Amino acid sequence: MERVKTAPGPDAAHAFRLGLIAAAVLGVVAMAGLYAAGEASLLLVGFLLVACFPVYLVFAAAALSVWLGYDKDATDLRPVYRERERRRG
């Protein structure tokens, strides 16, 4: 039995966008909570925001893309052929 491949539609694109916004808000709220609780200094929160937050968003985007069907595997690859230019002689 062959696996049926369907492309993600506009609902998946909306869910991906909403998921990334939710992940970003969650990350910012977590950093603000750490600062408000006195567990992290302003310098540490700044470091987290500049150095760790973008990496966190990449991992969140990767998880969302797999969950929503944007992931690709080796069966999705197609050979690419380039036409050779003909020499005029």
Protein backbone atom coordinates (compact mmCIF):
# COMPACT_ATOMS: atom_id res chain seq x y z
CA MET A 1 0.00 0.00 0.00
CA GLU A 2 1.47 3.31 -1.06
CA ARG A 3 1.57 6.31 1.19
CA VAL A 4 -0.62 9.15 -0.04
CA LYS A 5 1.23 12.46 -0.05
CA THR A 6 -0.75 15.64 0.24
CA ALA A 7 0.61 19.15 0.44
CA PRO A 8 -0.22 21.18 3.54
CA GLY A 9 -2.92 23.71 2.84
CA PRO A 10 -3.76 27.20 4.07
CA ASP A 11 -5.00 25.86 7.41
CA ALA A 12 -1.57 24.37 8.07
CA ALA A 13 0.08 27.67 7.16
CA HIS A 14 -2.23 29.49 9.58
CA ALA A 15 -1.55 26.92 12.31
CA PHE A 16 2.21 27.23 11.73
CA ARG A 17 2.06 31.03 12.03
CA LEU A 18 -0.13 30.83 15.13
CA GLY A 19 2.14 28.20 16.69
CA LEU A 20 5.23 30.34 16.17
CA ILE A 21 3.51 33.37 17.66
CA ALA A 22 2.41 31.28 20.65
CA ALA A 23 5.94 29.90 21.09
CA ALA A 24 7.42 33.40 20.95
CA VAL A 25 4.92 34.74 23.50
CA LEU A 26 5.55 31.75 25.76
CA GLY A 27 9.31 32.30 25.59
CA VAL A 28 9.05 36.01 26.37
CA VAL A 29 6.64 35.36 29.25
CA ALA A 30 9.00 32.72 30.65
CA MET A 31 11.95 35.14 30.55
CA ALA A 32 9.85 37.92 32.10
CA GLY A 33 8.69 35.50 34.79
CA LEU A 34 12.27 34.56 35.63
CA TYR A 35 13.20 38.21 35.91
CA ALA A 36 10.10 39.09 37.97
CA ALA A 37 10.72 36.19 40.36
CA GLY A 38 14.29 37.35 40.89
CA GLU A 39 15.74 34.13 39.48
CA ALA A 40 17.51 35.89 36.59
CA SER A 41 19.27 39.23 36.35
CA LEU A 42 18.58 41.71 33.59
CA LEU A 43 21.93 40.78 32.02
CA LEU A 44 20.97 37.09 31.91
CA VAL A 45 17.56 37.87 30.44
CA GLY A 46 19.26 39.99 27.77
CA PHE A 47 21.63 37.13 26.97
CA LEU A 48 18.72 34.70 26.74
CA LEU A 49 16.86 37.08 24.46
CA VAL A 50 19.79 37.64 22.11
CA ALA A 51 21.55 34.27 22.10
CA CYS A 52 19.08 31.56 23.10
CA PHE A 53 15.68 32.85 21.99
CA PRO A 54 16.38 32.60 18.22
CA VAL A 55 17.59 29.00 18.65
CA TYR A 56 14.45 28.22 20.64
CA LEU A 57 12.32 29.63 17.81
CA VAL A 58 14.16 27.51 15.23
CA PHE A 59 13.46 24.36 17.26
CA ALA A 60 9.82 25.39 17.67
CA ALA A 61 9.53 25.97 13.91
CA ALA A 62 11.12 22.59 13.19
CA ALA A 63 8.72 20.80 15.53
CA LEU A 64 5.72 22.60 14.05
CA SER A 65 6.80 21.87 10.49
CA VAL A 66 7.06 18.13 11.17
CA TRP A 67 3.75 18.10 13.03
CA LEU A 68 1.92 19.99 10.28
CA GLY A 69 3.36 18.00 7.39
CA TYR A 70 5.94 20.39 5.98
CA ASP A 71 8.79 17.93 6.51
CA LYS A 72 10.44 16.32 3.50
CA ASP A 73 12.34 13.08 3.16
CA ALA A 74 14.44 11.38 0.50
CA THR A 75 11.37 10.24 -1.44
CA ASP A 76 10.42 13.87 -2.09
CA LEU A 77 13.65 14.59 -3.96
CA ARG A 78 13.63 14.72 -7.73
CA PRO A 79 16.66 14.84 -10.01
CA VAL A 80 17.49 18.20 -11.48
CA TYR A 81 18.86 18.37 -15.00
CA ARG A 82 20.53 21.39 -16.48
CA GLU A 83 20.53 21.85 -20.21
CA ARG A 84 23.95 22.38 -21.71
CA GLU A 85 24.52 25.47 -23.73
CA ARG A 86 25.18 24.69 -27.35
CA ARG A 87 28.40 26.10 -28.71
CA ARG A 88 28.17 28.10 -31.84
CA GLY A 89 30.98 27.24 -34.13
